[in-house]
Amino acid sequence: MTSTPETIRTVGQLRASGHRQRTVKEELRDNLLARMRDGSPRFPGIVGYDGTVLPEVERAILAGHDMVLLGERGRARPGSSAPWSGSSTSGRR
């Protein structure tokens, strides 16, 4: 019997289905390798970084490195999440 995600309800059923647990890094690497083999776009929707950032990101994913992706400086301000968290460290905005 082939199990589908809808029929798997317990850990025992998941193990019996042959599921193999993978880390996020393993899954990212496997997905990137599949896209490289297929020739499909590796990072659809990201434009303008083909010759600079994306090759480094690809190498880091393939090597299993940890990455920290930072935005442009000055794009966020301290306390900018306060309106969403329901708390504020100061009365000023």
Protein backbone atom coordinates (compact mmCIF):
# COMPACT_ATOMS: atom_id res chain seq x y z
CA MET A 1 0.00 0.00 0.00
CA THR A 2 1.34 3.41 -0.96
CA SER A 3 0.91 6.06 1.71
CA THR A 4 0.01 9.61 0.86
CA PRO A 5 0.37 12.57 3.21
CA GLU A 6 -3.38 12.45 3.78
CA THR A 7 -3.29 8.82 5.02
CA ILE A 8 -0.24 9.17 7.29
CA ARG A 9 -1.46 10.02 10.77
CA THR A 10 1.13 8.56 13.16
CA VAL A 11 4.91 8.46 13.48
CA GLY A 12 4.77 4.70 12.95
CA GLN A 13 2.94 5.16 9.65
CA LEU A 14 5.47 7.82 8.63
CA ARG A 15 8.39 5.48 9.33
CA ALA A 16 6.67 2.61 7.52
CA SER A 17 6.15 4.82 4.46
CA GLY A 18 9.91 5.06 3.97
CA HIS A 19 10.11 8.77 4.75
CA ARG A 20 13.68 9.97 5.27
CA GLN A 21 14.17 12.96 7.53
CA ARG A 22 16.45 15.61 6.03
CA THR A 23 17.83 18.82 7.43
CA VAL A 24 16.94 22.11 5.77
CA LYS A 25 20.50 22.33 4.42
CA GLU A 26 20.18 18.88 2.83
CA GLU A 27 16.84 19.76 1.30
CA LEU A 28 18.15 23.08 -0.08
CA ARG A 29 21.18 21.33 -1.56
CA ASP A 30 19.09 18.56 -3.14
CA ASN A 31 16.64 21.09 -4.62
CA LEU A 32 19.47 23.25 -6.01
CA LEU A 33 21.20 20.22 -7.56
CA ALA A 34 17.91 19.16 -9.18
CA ARG A 35 17.45 22.64 -10.68
CA MET A 36 21.04 22.63 -11.95
CA ARG A 37 20.50 19.23 -13.61
CA ASP A 38 17.21 20.31 -15.18
CA GLY A 39 18.55 23.65 -16.33
CA SER A 40 15.60 25.41 -14.71
CA PRO A 41 16.04 28.82 -13.08
CA ARG A 42 17.80 28.37 -9.76
CA PHE A 43 16.43 31.45 -8.03
CA PRO A 44 13.29 32.58 -9.87
CA GLY A 45 12.19 36.09 -9.03
CA ILE A 46 15.65 37.33 -8.03
CA VAL A 47 16.90 39.70 -10.71
CA GLY A 48 20.22 41.45 -11.16
CA TYR A 49 22.55 39.33 -9.02
CA ASP A 50 23.45 36.58 -11.51
CA GLY A 51 27.12 37.49 -11.73
CA THR A 52 27.74 38.61 -8.17
CA VAL A 53 25.70 37.27 -5.27
CA LEU A 54 23.98 34.18 -6.66
CA PRO A 55 27.15 32.21 -7.52
CA GLU A 56 28.32 32.70 -3.92
CA VAL A 57 24.92 31.65 -2.56
CA GLU A 58 25.00 28.54 -4.78
CA ARG A 59 28.47 27.60 -3.53
CA ALA A 60 27.44 28.12 0.09
CA ILE A 61 24.33 25.95 -0.32
CA LEU A 62 26.27 23.20 -2.08
CA ALA A 63 28.97 23.24 0.61
CA GLY A 64 26.41 23.22 3.44
CA HIS A 65 27.59 26.51 4.91
CA ASP A 66 25.55 28.64 7.28
CA MET A 67 24.47 31.93 5.69
CA VAL A 68 23.26 35.25 6.99
CA LEU A 69 21.54 37.37 4.36
CA LEU A 70 21.45 41.06 5.15
CA GLY A 71 19.49 43.80 3.44
CA GLU A 72 20.66 47.26 2.54
CA ARG A 73 21.83 49.48 5.34
CA GLY A 74 19.32 51.98 6.61
CA ARG A 75 16.28 50.00 5.48
CA ALA A 76 15.09 49.13 8.98
CA ARG A 77 15.03 51.10 12.19
CA PRO A 78 15.27 49.99 15.81
CA GLY A 79 11.88 49.26 17.28
CA SER A 80 10.25 48.94 13.89
CA SER A 81 8.68 45.64 15.00
CA ALA A 82 7.13 47.15 18.12
CA PRO A 83 3.76 47.95 16.48
CA TRP A 84 3.34 44.26 15.58
CA SER A 85 4.54 42.79 18.87
CA GLY A 86 2.07 44.67 21.03
CA SER A 87 4.87 46.16 23.15
CA SER A 88 6.96 49.23 22.84
CA THR A 89 10.24 50.07 24.52
CA SER A 90 9.56 53.79 24.33
CA GLY A 91 6.58 56.02 23.83
CA ARG A 92 8.20 57.69 20.81
CA ARG A 93 7.88 56.58 17.20
